[in-house]
Amino acid sequence: MPNSKMTMSQIVRVALAFLLATTQLPAAFALDNAPASVVQELAPFSSDEGVARLARSTAKVDFPALANQFEPQSNAAFCGPTSAAIVLNAVRGRSDDLPRDRSRLRPEDFRFIPAKFDLTLPRFTQDNVITKGVKTRAQVLGEPTTINGKQVGDGGYQVRQLDEMLRANGLVTRLVIVDDRKIEQDIRTELLENLNRQGDYVIVAYRRAAEGQRGGGHISPLGAYDAESDSFLVLDVNPARAGWVWMPTATLIKGMRTFDTVENRGYILVQSP
């Protein structure tokens, strides 16, 4: 007859198993309050697996230029302008007519600079790209605007607003709204074809919470695609919230297929001039 007595360690293990099975952990113990099945699919770029995916990727021609021009967003509303600046500098970084942004310099910075010397560097910044678009800086930062006849706060950029701003800055783009009619295979194909062409770039607009991250709507460029894991490298412009990460295609699409103010989110294909 089996021994019916349990050791103290066995009792502790049974009690712990019962506690975990019947108790809902506080939100602080859940990674960004996201479903575990979703979170486990995201592979940080800084991990061994993340680096290995980039090494074996055959769709990464955009990555060197984007990494070279990468910069983090300066405030919570500027993921769109930051993504735009990165891509614009990748496309036109050696042009002779690049804008100069003097907004970050203070009057006292010029005390010891020769009068004819220009301290600025010719490049697109997340501040000066806004000036060409219809949406004003104040509106990007939350000033109420009229949408469908109503005054609403519309901070940041909807994907269509960002597309308009990119075009105003001289880029050739194609906007794709990810609604229910857009199937996964078509999206994968379009993104992959773009990432395989030199000089073409992709900017995606998605909802973080739908992808297992904490937060709301967000915008960032794509850097590469790994066929083995069927995942895209999102070059997140807010490293304070989440670093660069590989997202499975289905997860990325789930985040893009979310509603934002007037229509779903989606992606912008920036084409070679």
C-alpha atoms as a PDB file:
ATOM      1  CA  MET A   1       0.000   0.000   0.000  1.00  0.00           C
ATOM      2  CA  PRO A   2       1.450   3.396  -0.999  1.00  0.00           C
ATOM      3  CA  ASN A   3       2.547   5.676   1.777  1.00  0.00           C
ATOM      4  CA  SER A   4      -0.318   8.139   2.361  1.00  0.00           C
ATOM      5  CA  LYS A   5       1.833  10.538   4.319  1.00  0.00           C
ATOM      6  CA  MET A   6       3.150  13.643   2.532  1.00  0.00           C
ATOM      7  CA  THR A   7       6.414  15.348   3.336  1.00  0.00           C
ATOM      8  CA  MET A   8       6.438  19.024   4.227  1.00  0.00           C
ATOM      9  CA  SER A   9       8.002  19.953   0.844  1.00  0.00           C
ATOM     10  CA  GLN A  10       5.247  18.076  -1.001  1.00  0.00           C
ATOM     11  CA  ILE A  11       2.592  19.875   1.019  1.00  0.00           C
ATOM     12  CA  VAL A  12       4.195  23.230   0.178  1.00  0.00           C
ATOM     13  CA  ARG A  13       4.315  22.412  -3.541  1.00  0.00           C
ATOM     14  CA  VAL A  14       0.658  21.340  -3.596  1.00  0.00           C
ATOM     15  CA  ALA A  15      -0.408  24.457  -1.709  1.00  0.00           C
ATOM     16  CA  LEU A  16       1.580  26.677  -4.055  1.00  0.00           C
ATOM     17  CA  ALA A  17       0.094  24.991  -7.124  1.00  0.00           C
ATOM     18  CA  PHE A  18      -3.418  25.458  -5.703  1.00  0.00           C
ATOM     19  CA  LEU A  19      -2.710  29.117  -4.929  1.00  0.00           C
ATOM     20  CA  LEU A  20      -1.425  29.838  -8.434  1.00  0.00           C
ATOM     21  CA  ALA A  21      -4.367  28.038 -10.021  1.00  0.00           C
ATOM     22  CA  THR A  22      -7.019  29.876  -8.053  1.00  0.00           C
ATOM     23  CA  THR A  23      -5.544  33.319  -7.528  1.00  0.00           C
ATOM     24  CA  GLN A  24      -5.403  36.083 -10.119  1.00  0.00           C
ATOM     25  CA  LEU A  25      -2.065  37.838  -9.804  1.00  0.00           C
ATOM     26  CA  PRO A  26      -2.074  41.613  -9.458  1.00  0.00           C
ATOM     27  CA  ALA A  27      -1.451  43.607 -12.629  1.00  0.00           C
ATOM     28  CA  ALA A  28       2.045  44.504 -11.443  1.00  0.00           C
ATOM     29  CA  PHE A  29       3.084  40.848 -11.796  1.00  0.00           C
ATOM     30  CA  ALA A  30       1.805  40.576 -15.376  1.00  0.00           C
ATOM     31  CA  LEU A  31       4.179  41.800 -18.079  1.00  0.00           C
ATOM     32  CA  ASP A  32       2.611  45.077 -19.207  1.00  0.00           C
ATOM     33  CA  ASN A  33      -0.845  43.605 -18.453  1.00  0.00           C
ATOM     34  CA  ALA A  34      -0.618  41.641 -21.724  1.00  0.00           C
ATOM     35  CA  PRO A  35      -1.730  38.057 -22.387  1.00  0.00           C
ATOM     36  CA  ALA A  36       1.213  35.714 -21.831  1.00  0.00           C
ATOM     37  CA  SER A  37       0.617  34.010 -25.177  1.00  0.00           C
ATOM     38  CA  VAL A  38       1.134  37.324 -26.948  1.00  0.00           C
ATOM     39  CA  VAL A  39       4.069  38.554 -24.881  1.00  0.00           C
ATOM     40  CA  GLN A  40       6.019  35.329 -25.420  1.00  0.00           C
ATOM     41  CA  GLU A  41       5.856  35.865 -29.182  1.00  0.00           C
ATOM     42  CA  LEU A  42       7.725  39.173 -29.037  1.00  0.00           C
ATOM     43  CA  ALA A  43      11.485  38.751 -29.347  1.00  0.00           C
ATOM     44  CA  PRO A  44      13.596  41.715 -28.193  1.00  0.00           C
ATOM     45  CA  PHE A  45      16.199  42.715 -30.772  1.00  0.00           C
ATOM     46  CA  SER A  46      18.819  42.880 -28.004  1.00  0.00           C
ATOM     47  CA  SER A  47      18.367  39.170 -27.196  1.00  0.00           C
ATOM     48  CA  ASP A  48      20.478  36.392 -28.724  1.00  0.00           C
ATOM     49  CA  GLU A  49      17.429  35.277 -30.696  1.00  0.00           C
ATOM     50  CA  GLY A  50      16.790  38.832 -31.886  1.00  0.00           C
ATOM     51  CA  VAL A  51      20.323  39.250 -33.199  1.00  0.00           C
ATOM     52  CA  ALA A  52      20.203  35.793 -34.799  1.00  0.00           C
ATOM     53  CA  ARG A  53      17.030  36.722 -36.698  1.00  0.00           C
ATOM     54  CA  LEU A  54      18.696  39.776 -38.203  1.00  0.00           C
ATOM     55  CA  ALA A  55      21.771  37.744 -39.149  1.00  0.00           C
ATOM     56  CA  ARG A  56      19.746  35.165 -41.082  1.00  0.00           C
ATOM     57  CA  SER A  57      17.220  37.628 -42.532  1.00  0.00           C
ATOM     58  CA  THR A  58      17.306  38.053 -46.294  1.00  0.00           C
ATOM     59  CA  ALA A  59      15.004  41.102 -46.251  1.00  0.00           C
ATOM     60  CA  LYS A  60      17.031  43.739 -44.425  1.00  0.00           C
ATOM     61  CA  VAL A  61      18.320  46.188 -47.047  1.00  0.00           C
ATOM     62  CA  ASP A  62      16.599  49.032 -45.157  1.00  0.00           C
ATOM     63  CA  PHE A  63      18.184  48.260 -41.815  1.00  0.00           C
ATOM     64  CA  PRO A  64      21.655  49.902 -42.192  1.00  0.00           C
ATOM     65  CA  ALA A  65      20.271  53.256 -43.356  1.00  0.00           C
ATOM     66  CA  LEU A  66      17.509  53.320 -40.744  1.00  0.00           C
ATOM     67  CA  ALA A  67      19.856  52.318 -37.934  1.00  0.00           C
ATOM     68  CA  ASN A  68      22.321  54.999 -39.005  1.00  0.00           C
ATOM     69  CA  GLN A  69      19.606  57.691 -38.940  1.00  0.00           C
ATOM     70  CA  PHE A  70      17.716  56.387 -35.906  1.00  0.00           C
ATOM     71  CA  GLU A  71      16.780  58.718 -33.071  1.00  0.00           C
ATOM     72  CA  PRO A  72      14.285  58.361 -30.188  1.00  0.00           C
ATOM     73  CA  GLN A  73      11.191  60.516 -29.997  1.00  0.00           C
ATOM     74  CA  SER A  74      11.587  63.627 -27.854  1.00  0.00           C
ATOM     75  CA  ASN A  75       8.100  63.502 -26.306  1.00  0.00           C
ATOM     76  CA  ALA A  76       5.129  61.140 -26.043  1.00  0.00           C
ATOM     77  CA  ALA A  77       3.264  62.654 -29.027  1.00  0.00           C
ATOM     78  CA  PHE A  78       6.128  62.602 -31.536  1.00  0.00           C
ATOM     79  CA  CYS A  79       6.344  58.951 -32.644  1.00  0.00           C
ATOM     80  CA  GLY A  80       4.984  59.997 -36.046  1.00  0.00           C
ATOM     81  CA  PRO A  81       7.334  62.952 -36.655  1.00  0.00           C
ATOM     82  CA  THR A  82      10.281  60.909 -35.391  1.00  0.00           C
ATOM     83  CA  SER A  83       9.529  58.023 -37.752  1.00  0.00           C
ATOM     84  CA  ALA A  84       9.139  60.546 -40.565  1.00  0.00           C
ATOM     85  CA  ALA A  85      12.477  62.211 -39.789  1.00  0.00           C
ATOM     86  CA  ILE A  86      14.316  58.876 -39.686  1.00  0.00           C
ATOM     87  CA  VAL A  87      12.915  57.774 -43.049  1.00  0.00           C
ATOM     88  CA  LEU A  88      13.388  61.192 -44.678  1.00  0.00           C
ATOM     89  CA  ASN A  89      17.029  61.260 -43.614  1.00  0.00           C
ATOM     90  CA  ALA A  90      17.489  57.703 -44.886  1.00  0.00           C
ATOM     91  CA  VAL A  91      16.024  58.672 -48.266  1.00  0.00           C
ATOM     92  CA  ARG A  92      17.499  62.154 -48.667  1.00  0.00           C
ATOM     93  CA  GLY A  93      20.359  62.257 -46.169  1.00  0.00           C
ATOM     94  CA  ARG A  94      22.941  63.346 -48.757  1.00  0.00           C
ATOM     95  CA  SER A  95      20.814  65.960 -50.526  1.00  0.00           C
ATOM     96  CA  ASP A  96      22.008  69.535 -50.903  1.00  0.00           C
ATOM     97  CA  ASP A  97      18.706  71.125 -49.901  1.00  0.00           C
ATOM     98  CA  LEU A  98      18.138  69.613 -46.448  1.00  0.00           C
ATOM     99  CA  PRO A  99      16.443  71.874 -43.888  1.00  0.00           C
ATOM    100  CA  ARG A 100      18.258  73.255 -40.859  1.00  0.00           C
ATOM    101  CA  ASP A 101      16.533  73.179 -37.480  1.00  0.00           C
ATOM    102  CA  ARG A 102      17.519  76.060 -35.193  1.00  0.00           C
ATOM    103  CA  SER A 103      14.782  75.429 -32.628  1.00  0.00           C
ATOM    104  CA  ARG A 104      17.034  73.387 -30.357  1.00  0.00           C
ATOM    105  CA  LEU A 105      19.668  76.123 -29.996  1.00  0.00           C
ATOM    106  CA  ARG A 106      19.523  78.782 -27.304  1.00  0.00           C
ATOM    107  CA  PRO A 107      20.590  82.423 -27.754  1.00  0.00           C
ATOM    108  CA  GLU A 108      23.533  81.916 -25.385  1.00  0.00           C
ATOM    109  CA  ASP A 109      24.815  79.069 -27.563  1.00  0.00           C
ATOM    110  CA  PHE A 110      26.028  81.621 -30.107  1.00  0.00           C
ATOM    111  CA  ARG A 111      28.134  83.745 -27.740  1.00  0.00           C
ATOM    112  CA  PHE A 112      31.461  82.343 -28.902  1.00  0.00           C
ATOM    113  CA  ILE A 113      30.486  81.279 -32.448  1.00  0.00           C
ATOM    114  CA  PRO A 114      31.724  83.393 -35.418  1.00  0.00           C
ATOM    115  CA  ALA A 115      28.862  85.390 -36.921  1.00  0.00           C
ATOM    116  CA  LYS A 116      28.969  83.655 -40.324  1.00  0.00           C
ATOM    117  CA  PHE A 117      29.290  80.132 -38.930  1.00  0.00           C
ATOM    118  CA  ASP A 118      26.104  78.014 -39.047  1.00  0.00           C
ATOM    119  CA  LEU A 119      26.034  75.797 -35.969  1.00  0.00           C
ATOM    120  CA  THR A 120      23.130  73.674 -37.233  1.00  0.00           C
ATOM    121  CA  LEU A 121      23.411  70.459 -39.216  1.00  0.00           C
ATOM    122  CA  PRO A 122      21.447  69.947 -42.459  1.00  0.00           C
ATOM    123  CA  ARG A 123      18.910  67.213 -41.731  1.00  0.00           C
ATOM    124  CA  PHE A 124      15.264  66.505 -41.068  1.00  0.00           C
ATOM    125  CA  THR A 125      14.247  66.565 -37.413  1.00  0.00           C
ATOM    126  CA  GLN A 126      11.100  65.522 -35.610  1.00  0.00           C
ATOM    127  CA  ASP A 127      10.403  69.237 -35.123  1.00  0.00           C
ATOM    128  CA  ASN A 128      10.897  70.604 -38.635  1.00  0.00           C
ATOM    129  CA  VAL A 129       9.068  67.835 -40.537  1.00  0.00           C
ATOM    130  CA  ILE A 130       5.797  68.987 -38.960  1.00  0.00           C
ATOM    131  CA  THR A 131       5.947  72.432 -40.545  1.00  0.00           C
ATOM    132  CA  LYS A 132       5.279  71.121 -44.063  1.00  0.00           C
ATOM    133  CA  GLY A 133       2.142  69.160 -43.158  1.00  0.00           C
ATOM    134  CA  VAL A 134      -1.444  70.322 -42.708  1.00  0.00           C
ATOM    135  CA  LYS A 135      -1.586  69.280 -39.053  1.00  0.00           C
ATOM    136  CA  THR A 136      -0.017  71.923 -36.846  1.00  0.00           C
ATOM    137  CA  ARG A 137       2.429  71.352 -34.022  1.00  0.00           C
ATOM    138  CA  ALA A 138      -0.208  72.547 -31.533  1.00  0.00           C
ATOM    139  CA  GLN A 139      -2.695  69.992 -32.870  1.00  0.00           C
ATOM    140  CA  VAL A 140      -0.099  67.236 -32.683  1.00  0.00           C
ATOM    141  CA  LEU A 141       0.335  68.198 -29.041  1.00  0.00           C
ATOM    142  CA  GLY A 142      -3.387  68.026 -28.312  1.00  0.00           C
ATOM    143  CA  GLU A 143      -5.001  71.293 -29.414  1.00  0.00           C
ATOM    144  CA  PRO A 144      -8.668  70.516 -30.260  1.00  0.00           C
ATOM    145  CA  THR A 145      -9.491  70.294 -33.957  1.00  0.00           C
ATOM    146  CA  THR A 146     -12.681  69.710 -35.935  1.00  0.00           C
ATOM    147  CA  ILE A 147     -13.292  66.109 -37.056  1.00  0.00           C
ATOM    148  CA  ASN A 148     -16.630  65.155 -38.609  1.00  0.00           C
ATOM    149  CA  GLY A 149     -18.127  68.403 -37.351  1.00  0.00           C
ATOM    150  CA  LYS A 150     -17.008  67.936 -33.744  1.00  0.00           C
ATOM    151  CA  GLN A 151     -14.234  69.567 -31.732  1.00  0.00           C
ATOM    152  CA  VAL A 152     -11.967  66.805 -30.470  1.00  0.00           C
ATOM    153  CA  GLY A 153      -8.450  66.430 -29.148  1.00  0.00           C
ATOM    154  CA  ASP A 154      -6.426  64.541 -31.745  1.00  0.00           C
ATOM    155  CA  GLY A 155      -2.884  64.362 -30.414  1.00  0.00           C
ATOM    156  CA  GLY A 156      -0.150  62.652 -32.382  1.00  0.00           C
ATOM    157  CA  TYR A 157      -0.819  61.468 -35.929  1.00  0.00           C
ATOM    158  CA  GLN A 158      -3.436  59.254 -37.478  1.00  0.00           C
ATOM    159  CA  VAL A 159      -1.803  57.204 -40.225  1.00  0.00           C
ATOM    160  CA  ARG A 160      -3.508  59.198 -43.012  1.00  0.00           C
ATOM    161  CA  GLN A 161      -2.336  62.457 -41.447  1.00  0.00           C
ATOM    162  CA  LEU A 162       1.205  61.109 -41.318  1.00  0.00           C
ATOM    163  CA  ASP A 163       1.009  60.054 -44.966  1.00  0.00           C
ATOM    164  CA  GLU A 164      -0.009  63.606 -45.916  1.00  0.00           C
ATOM    165  CA  MET A 165       2.916  65.035 -43.952  1.00  0.00           C
ATOM    166  CA  LEU A 166       5.404  62.662 -45.618  1.00  0.00           C
ATOM    167  CA  ARG A 167       4.138  63.676 -49.047  1.00  0.00           C
ATOM    168  CA  ALA A 168       4.378  67.354 -48.101  1.00  0.00           C
ATOM    169  CA  ASN A 169       8.042  66.717 -47.291  1.00  0.00           C
ATOM    170  CA  GLY A 170       8.654  65.355 -50.777  1.00  0.00           C
ATOM    171  CA  LEU A 171       8.289  61.586 -50.388  1.00  0.00           C
ATOM    172  CA  VAL A 172       6.410  59.255 -52.722  1.00  0.00           C
ATOM    173  CA  THR A 173       4.123  57.062 -50.620  1.00  0.00           C
ATOM    174  CA  ARG A 174       1.301  54.555 -50.735  1.00  0.00           C
ATOM    175  CA  LEU A 175      -1.041  54.381 -47.755  1.00  0.00           C
ATOM    176  CA  VAL A 176      -2.664  51.079 -46.806  1.00  0.00           C
ATOM    177  CA  ILE A 177      -5.477  50.987 -44.243  1.00  0.00           C
ATOM    178  CA  VAL A 178      -5.681  47.574 -42.560  1.00  0.00           C
ATOM    179  CA  ASP A 179      -9.413  46.951 -42.443  1.00  0.00           C
ATOM    180  CA  ASP A 180     -11.264  43.616 -42.437  1.00  0.00           C
ATOM    181  CA  ARG A 181     -10.969  43.329 -46.220  1.00  0.00           C
ATOM    182  CA  LYS A 182      -7.162  43.291 -46.130  1.00  0.00           C
ATOM    183  CA  ILE A 183      -5.969  39.681 -45.737  1.00  0.00           C
ATOM    184  CA  GLU A 184      -2.811  38.639 -43.905  1.00  0.00           C
ATOM    185  CA  GLN A 185      -0.982  37.130 -46.866  1.00  0.00           C
ATOM    186  CA  ASP A 186      -1.405  40.283 -48.965  1.00  0.00           C
ATOM    187  CA  ILE A 187      -0.055  42.430 -46.142  1.00  0.00           C
ATOM    188  CA  ARG A 188       2.929  40.130 -45.596  1.00  0.00           C
ATOM    189  CA  THR A 189       3.701  40.165 -49.325  1.00  0.00           C
ATOM    190  CA  GLU A 190       3.515  43.955 -49.620  1.00  0.00           C
ATOM    191  CA  LEU A 191       5.711  44.555 -46.586  1.00  0.00           C
ATOM    192  CA  LEU A 192       8.233  41.918 -47.644  1.00  0.00           C
ATOM    193  CA  GLU A 193       8.490  43.241 -51.207  1.00  0.00           C
ATOM    194  CA  ASN A 194       9.151  46.728 -49.868  1.00  0.00           C
ATOM    195  CA  LEU A 195      11.815  45.519 -47.421  1.00  0.00           C
ATOM    196  CA  ASN A 196      13.552  43.686 -50.280  1.00  0.00           C
ATOM    197  CA  ARG A 197      13.927  46.822 -52.415  1.00  0.00           C
ATOM    198  CA  GLN A 198      16.775  49.250 -51.867  1.00  0.00           C
ATOM    199  CA  GLY A 199      15.561  52.744 -51.010  1.00  0.00           C
ATOM    200  CA  ASP A 200      11.989  51.725 -50.098  1.00  0.00           C
ATOM    201  CA  TYR A 201      10.819  51.977 -46.492  1.00  0.00           C
ATOM    202  CA  VAL A 202       7.831  51.024 -44.346  1.00  0.00           C
ATOM    203  CA  ILE A 203       6.239  52.915 -41.457  1.00  0.00           C
ATOM    204  CA  VAL A 204       3.584  51.082 -39.436  1.00  0.00           C
ATOM    205  CA  ALA A 205       0.840  52.485 -37.204  1.00  0.00           C
ATOM    206  CA  TYR A 206      -0.473  50.081 -34.590  1.00  0.00           C
ATOM    207  CA  ARG A 207      -2.013  49.817 -31.144  1.00  0.00           C
ATOM    208  CA  ARG A 208       0.438  48.567 -28.536  1.00  0.00           C
ATOM    209  CA  ALA A 209      -2.143  46.895 -26.307  1.00  0.00           C
ATOM    210  CA  ALA A 210      -3.258  44.652 -29.187  1.00  0.00           C
ATOM    211  CA  GLU A 211       0.305  43.388 -29.569  1.00  0.00           C
ATOM    212  CA  GLY A 212       1.044  42.579 -25.952  1.00  0.00           C
ATOM    213  CA  GLN A 213       2.679  45.868 -25.016  1.00  0.00           C
ATOM    214  CA  ARG A 214       1.584  48.551 -22.606  1.00  0.00           C
ATOM    215  CA  GLY A 215       0.188  51.723 -24.142  1.00  0.00           C
ATOM    216  CA  GLY A 216      -2.035  53.040 -26.904  1.00  0.00           C
ATOM    217  CA  GLY A 217      -1.447  53.986 -30.518  1.00  0.00           C
ATOM    218  CA  HIS A 218       2.116  54.068 -31.809  1.00  0.00           C
ATOM    219  CA  ILE A 219       4.102  54.586 -35.010  1.00  0.00           C
ATOM    220  CA  SER A 220       7.541  53.249 -35.981  1.00  0.00           C
ATOM    221  CA  PRO A 221       9.526  52.101 -39.046  1.00  0.00           C
ATOM    222  CA  LEU A 222      10.132  48.456 -39.969  1.00  0.00           C
ATOM    223  CA  GLY A 223      13.742  47.326 -40.318  1.00  0.00           C
ATOM    224  CA  ALA A 224      13.707  43.718 -41.535  1.00  0.00           C
ATOM    225  CA  TYR A 225      11.767  40.462 -41.963  1.00  0.00           C
ATOM    226  CA  ASP A 226      12.776  36.977 -40.764  1.00  0.00           C
ATOM    227  CA  ALA A 227      11.127  34.163 -42.719  1.00  0.00           C
ATOM    228  CA  GLU A 228      11.952  31.390 -40.251  1.00  0.00           C
ATOM    229  CA  SER A 229       9.990  33.031 -37.433  1.00  0.00           C
ATOM    230  CA  ASP A 230       7.633  34.928 -39.793  1.00  0.00           C
ATOM    231  CA  SER A 231       8.319  38.135 -37.893  1.00  0.00           C
ATOM    232  CA  PHE A 232       9.081  41.782 -38.657  1.00  0.00           C
ATOM    233  CA  LEU A 233      11.624  43.942 -36.835  1.00  0.00           C
ATOM    234  CA  VAL A 234       9.886  47.046 -35.452  1.00  0.00           C
ATOM    235  CA  LEU A 235      12.408  49.833 -34.809  1.00  0.00           C
ATOM    236  CA  ASP A 236      10.444  51.294 -31.909  1.00  0.00           C
ATOM    237  CA  VAL A 237      11.134  55.030 -31.649  1.00  0.00           C
ATOM    238  CA  ASN A 238      10.246  55.052 -27.941  1.00  0.00           C
ATOM    239  CA  PRO A 239      12.991  52.992 -26.254  1.00  0.00           C
ATOM    240  CA  ALA A 240      11.827  54.285 -22.878  1.00  0.00           C
ATOM    241  CA  ARG A 241       8.625  52.255 -23.371  1.00  0.00           C
ATOM    242  CA  ALA A 242       9.768  49.312 -25.487  1.00  0.00           C
ATOM    243  CA  GLY A 243      12.957  48.597 -27.397  1.00  0.00           C
ATOM    244  CA  TRP A 244      13.343  47.293 -30.922  1.00  0.00           C
ATOM    245  CA  VAL A 245      11.391  44.071 -31.164  1.00  0.00           C
ATOM    246  CA  TRP A 246      10.588  41.253 -33.583  1.00  0.00           C
ATOM    247  CA  MET A 247       6.812  40.889 -33.971  1.00  0.00           C
ATOM    248  CA  PRO A 248       5.160  37.900 -35.641  1.00  0.00           C
ATOM    249  CA  THR A 249       3.271  38.935 -38.753  1.00  0.00           C
ATOM    250  CA  ALA A 250      -0.102  38.005 -37.246  1.00  0.00           C
ATOM    251  CA  THR A 251       0.654  40.030 -34.113  1.00  0.00           C
ATOM    252  CA  LEU A 252       1.738  43.102 -36.065  1.00  0.00           C
ATOM    253  CA  ILE A 253      -1.361  42.923 -38.238  1.00  0.00           C
ATOM    254  CA  LYS A 254      -3.567  42.565 -35.176  1.00  0.00           C
ATOM    255  CA  GLY A 255      -2.146  45.839 -33.873  1.00  0.00           C
ATOM    256  CA  MET A 256      -2.656  47.603 -37.204  1.00  0.00           C
ATOM    257  CA  ARG A 257      -6.196  46.288 -37.589  1.00  0.00           C
ATOM    258  CA  THR A 258      -7.448  48.583 -34.820  1.00  0.00           C
ATOM    259  CA  PHE A 259      -9.610  51.693 -34.970  1.00  0.00           C
ATOM    260  CA  ASP A 260      -8.139  55.171 -34.568  1.00  0.00           C
ATOM    261  CA  THR A 261     -10.517  58.170 -34.434  1.00  0.00           C
ATOM    262  CA  VAL A 262     -12.007  57.893 -37.949  1.00  0.00           C
ATOM    263  CA  GLU A 263     -10.646  54.663 -39.480  1.00  0.00           C
ATOM    264  CA  ASN A 264      -8.312  51.743 -38.851  1.00  0.00           C
ATOM    265  CA  ARG A 265      -4.582  52.051 -38.554  1.00  0.00           C
ATOM    266  CA  GLY A 266      -2.275  50.633 -41.203  1.00  0.00           C
ATOM    267  CA  TYR A 267       1.055  51.202 -42.905  1.00  0.00           C
ATOM    268  CA  ILE A 268       2.785  53.561 -45.315  1.00  0.00           C
ATOM    269  CA  LEU A 269       4.997  52.270 -48.105  1.00  0.00           C
ATOM    270  CA  VAL A 270       7.640  54.865 -48.934  1.00  0.00           C
ATOM    271  CA  GLN A 271       8.812  54.298 -52.487  1.00  0.00           C
ATOM    272  CA  SER A 272      12.084  55.137 -54.195  1.00  0.00           C
ATOM    273  CA  PRO A 273      11.966  58.617 -55.802  1.00  0.00           C
END
